[in-house]
C-alpha atoms as a PDB file:
ATOM      1  CA  LEU A   1      -5.264  19.271  -3.869  1.00  0.00           C
ATOM      2  CA  ALA A   2      -6.642  18.340  -0.444  1.00  0.00           C
ATOM      3  CA  GLY A   3      -4.826  16.204   2.180  1.00  0.00           C
ATOM      4  CA  ILE A   4      -5.494  14.983   5.831  1.00  0.00           C
ATOM      5  CA  HIS A   5      -3.134  14.793   8.843  1.00  0.00           C
ATOM      6  CA  ILE A   6      -3.784  11.957  11.347  1.00  0.00           C
ATOM      7  CA  ASP A   7      -1.576  11.546  14.437  1.00  0.00           C
ATOM      8  CA  ILE A   8      -0.591   8.027  14.561  1.00  0.00           C
ATOM      9  CA  SER A   9       2.013   8.478  17.154  1.00  0.00           C
ATOM     10  CA  GLU A  10       0.049   6.168  19.626  1.00  0.00           C
ATOM     11  CA  ARG A  11      -0.404   3.433  16.986  1.00  0.00           C
ATOM     12  CA  LYS A  12       3.517   3.280  16.199  1.00  0.00           C
ATOM     13  CA  ALA A  13       4.318   3.374  19.857  1.00  0.00           C
ATOM     14  CA  ALA A  14       1.907   0.358  20.383  1.00  0.00           C
ATOM     15  CA  GLU A  15       3.498  -1.431  17.522  1.00  0.00           C
ATOM     16  CA  VAL A  16       6.815  -0.987  18.811  1.00  0.00           C
ATOM     17  CA  ALA A  17       5.689  -2.285  22.445  1.00  0.00           C
ATOM     18  CA  LEU A  18       4.088  -5.293  20.817  1.00  0.00           C
ATOM     19  CA  ALA A  19       6.995  -6.149  18.668  1.00  0.00           C
ATOM     20  CA  GLU A  20       9.433  -5.704  21.931  1.00  0.00           C
ATOM     21  CA  SER A  21       6.839  -8.011  23.954  1.00  0.00           C
ATOM     22  CA  LYS A  22       7.034 -10.755  20.936  1.00  0.00           C
ATOM     23  CA  ALA A  23      10.693 -10.713  21.133  1.00  0.00           C
ATOM     24  CA  ARG A  24      10.920 -11.249  24.909  1.00  0.00           C
ATOM     25  CA  ILE A  25       8.402 -14.094  24.918  1.00  0.00           C
ATOM     26  CA  ARG A  26      10.325 -15.650  22.014  1.00  0.00           C
ATOM     27  CA  ALA A  27      13.608 -15.385  23.924  1.00  0.00           C
ATOM     28  CA  ILE A  28      11.886 -16.902  26.936  1.00  0.00           C
ATOM     29  CA  VAL A  29      10.292 -19.781  24.911  1.00  0.00           C
ATOM     30  CA  ASP A  30      13.328 -20.428  22.822  1.00  0.00           C
ATOM     31  CA  ASN A  31      15.496 -20.862  25.883  1.00  0.00           C
ATOM     32  CA  ALA A  32      13.212 -22.853  28.147  1.00  0.00           C
ATOM     33  CA  PRO A  33      14.884 -26.042  29.490  1.00  0.00           C
ATOM     34  CA  LEU A  34      12.047 -28.272  27.827  1.00  0.00           C
ATOM     35  CA  GLY A  35      10.669 -28.675  24.351  1.00  0.00           C
ATOM     36  CA  ILE A  36       7.981 -26.570  23.176  1.00  0.00           C
ATOM     37  CA  PHE A  37       6.073 -26.902  19.985  1.00  0.00           C
ATOM     38  CA  SER A  38       3.084 -25.951  18.082  1.00  0.00           C
ATOM     39  CA  ALA A  39       1.302 -28.137  15.433  1.00  0.00           C
ATOM     40  CA  ASP A  40      -1.590 -28.106  13.328  1.00  0.00           C
ATOM     41  CA  ALA A  41      -4.357 -30.906  13.503  1.00  0.00           C
ATOM     42  CA  ALA A  42      -2.732 -32.895  11.192  1.00  0.00           C
ATOM     43  CA  GLY A  43       0.411 -32.849  13.365  1.00  0.00           C
ATOM     44  CA  ARG A  44       2.767 -30.681  11.083  1.00  0.00           C
ATOM     45  CA  LEU A  45       5.142 -28.451  13.215  1.00  0.00           C
ATOM     46  CA  GLY A  46       4.646 -24.769  13.010  1.00  0.00           C
ATOM     47  CA  PHE A  47       7.194 -23.788  15.563  1.00  0.00           C
ATOM     48  CA  MET A  48       9.733 -25.665  17.711  1.00  0.00           C
ATOM     49  CA  ASN A  49      11.792 -23.988  20.253  1.00  0.00           C
ATOM     50  CA  GLY A  50      15.701 -24.331  20.828  1.00  0.00           C
ATOM     51  CA  TRP A  51      15.513 -27.261  23.268  1.00  0.00           C
ATOM     52  CA  ILE A  52      13.862 -29.240  20.330  1.00  0.00           C
ATOM     53  CA  ARG A  53      16.319 -28.153  17.911  1.00  0.00           C
ATOM     54  CA  GLU A  54      19.371 -28.947  20.196  1.00  0.00           C
ATOM     55  CA  ASN A  55      18.043 -32.305  21.694  1.00  0.00           C
ATOM     56  CA  PHE A  56      16.561 -33.832  18.462  1.00  0.00           C
ATOM     57  CA  ARG A  57      19.108 -32.006  16.054  1.00  0.00           C
ATOM     58  CA  TRP A  58      16.147 -30.576  13.921  1.00  0.00           C
ATOM     59  CA  SER A  59      16.116 -27.248  12.165  1.00  0.00           C
ATOM     60  CA  GLU A  60      13.383 -25.072  11.333  1.00  0.00           C
ATOM     61  CA  ALA A  61      14.550 -25.009   7.698  1.00  0.00           C
ATOM     62  CA  ARG A  62      14.448 -28.678   7.459  1.00  0.00           C
ATOM     63  CA  ASN A  63      11.627 -29.819   9.988  1.00  0.00           C
ATOM     64  CA  LEU A  64       8.752 -26.966   9.875  1.00  0.00           C
ATOM     65  CA  GLY A  65       5.873 -28.694   8.278  1.00  0.00           C
ATOM     66  CA  GLU A  66       6.876 -32.109   9.117  1.00  0.00           C
ATOM     67  CA  LEU A  67       5.050 -34.361  11.667  1.00  0.00           C
ATOM     68  CA  TRP A  68       6.086 -33.615  14.995  1.00  0.00           C
ATOM     69  CA  TYR A  69       5.947 -37.277  15.692  1.00  0.00           C
ATOM     70  CA  ALA A  70       8.154 -38.174  12.721  1.00  0.00           C
ATOM     71  CA  CYS A  71      10.880 -38.896  14.835  1.00  0.00           C
ATOM     72  CA  VAL A  72       9.015 -41.296  17.226  1.00  0.00           C
ATOM     73  CA  SER A  73      10.555 -44.867  17.245  1.00  0.00           C
ATOM     74  CA  PRO A  74       8.774 -47.040  14.639  1.00  0.00           C
ATOM     75  CA  ALA A  75       7.668 -49.447  17.399  1.00  0.00           C
ATOM     76  CA  GLU A  76       5.631 -46.831  18.801  1.00  0.00           C
ATOM     77  CA  TRP A  77       4.051 -45.249  15.582  1.00  0.00           C
ATOM     78  CA  ASP A  78       0.713 -46.867  15.729  1.00  0.00           C
ATOM     79  CA  GLY A  79      -0.048 -45.696  19.125  1.00  0.00           C
ATOM     80  CA  VAL A  80       1.100 -42.199  18.623  1.00  0.00           C
ATOM     81  CA  THR A  81      -1.008 -41.928  15.417  1.00  0.00           C
ATOM     82  CA  ASP A  82      -4.217 -43.389  17.013  1.00  0.00           C
ATOM     83  CA  THR A  83      -3.788 -41.229  20.322  1.00  0.00           C
ATOM     84  CA  TRP A  84      -3.241 -38.051  18.267  1.00  0.00           C
ATOM     85  CA  ALA A  85      -6.305 -38.636  16.284  1.00  0.00           C
ATOM     86  CA  ARG A  86      -8.274 -39.255  19.457  1.00  0.00           C
ATOM     87  CA  PHE A  87      -6.874 -35.995  20.746  1.00  0.00           C
ATOM     88  CA  ILE A  88      -7.753 -33.974  17.812  1.00  0.00           C
ATOM     89  CA  GLY A  89     -11.257 -35.525  17.577  1.00  0.00           C
ATOM     90  CA  ASP A  90     -11.921 -34.166  21.044  1.00  0.00           C
ATOM     91  CA  SER A  91     -12.597 -37.927  22.414  1.00  0.00           C
ATOM     92  CA  ALA A  92      -9.333 -36.926  24.535  1.00  0.00           C
ATOM     93  CA  THR A  93      -8.766 -33.776  26.621  1.00  0.00           C
ATOM     94  CA  THR A  94      -5.121 -34.304  26.878  1.00  0.00           C
ATOM     95  CA  TYR A  95      -2.332 -35.626  24.958  1.00  0.00           C
ATOM     96  CA  ASP A  96       0.082 -37.170  27.472  1.00  0.00           C
ATOM     97  CA  ALA A  97       2.546 -39.840  26.575  1.00  0.00           C
ATOM     98  CA  GLU A  98       6.275 -40.977  27.012  1.00  0.00           C
ATOM     99  CA  LEU A  99       7.792 -41.748  23.760  1.00  0.00           C
ATOM    100  CA  ARG A 100      11.072 -43.121  22.451  1.00  0.00           C
ATOM    101  CA  MET A 101      12.086 -40.477  19.906  1.00  0.00           C
ATOM    102  CA  VAL A 102      14.912 -41.184  17.428  1.00  0.00           C
ATOM    103  CA  VAL A 103      17.464 -38.475  16.901  1.00  0.00           C
ATOM    104  CA  GLU A 104      19.358 -37.763  13.930  1.00  0.00           C
ATOM    105  CA  GLU A 105      22.412 -40.002  14.725  1.00  0.00           C
ATOM    106  CA  GLY A 106      20.021 -42.991  15.574  1.00  0.00           C
ATOM    107  CA  ASP A 107      20.173 -42.884  19.239  1.00  0.00           C
ATOM    108  CA  GLU A 108      16.863 -42.646  21.060  1.00  0.00           C
ATOM    109  CA  ARG A 109      15.789 -40.612  23.818  1.00  0.00           C
ATOM    110  CA  ILE A 110      12.579 -40.924  26.315  1.00  0.00           C
ATOM    111  CA  THR A 111      10.511 -38.006  26.236  1.00  0.00           C
ATOM    112  CA  ARG A 112       7.110 -37.064  27.691  1.00  0.00           C
ATOM    113  CA  VAL A 113       4.762 -35.118  25.468  1.00  0.00           C
ATOM    114  CA  ARG A 114       2.020 -33.334  27.131  1.00  0.00           C
ATOM    115  CA  ILE A 115      -0.525 -31.327  25.285  1.00  0.00           C
END
């Protein structure tokens, strides 16, 4: 039988440091006093921070994978989808809109979305 021995102490220390750094960043983002989310090109949520969960009464279990603009007031739906399509298609360099967002109980909040 033959074997090798490789010292992986540095790699393991780097993995621990990376995990700690990710945890710190997640805590900062999750506790930020504004909404932070990520979405794919179709607009499906991949991440939402605590502000969004609290203010829109969303949960990661229920809403991840849903369209981020699903809670926009129906009166603004066409404008949101058109502007999002232009943003994703690179004809707009930023997405910046004030939107009426409907929360679970049916009341609306006016928010500014900037990407």
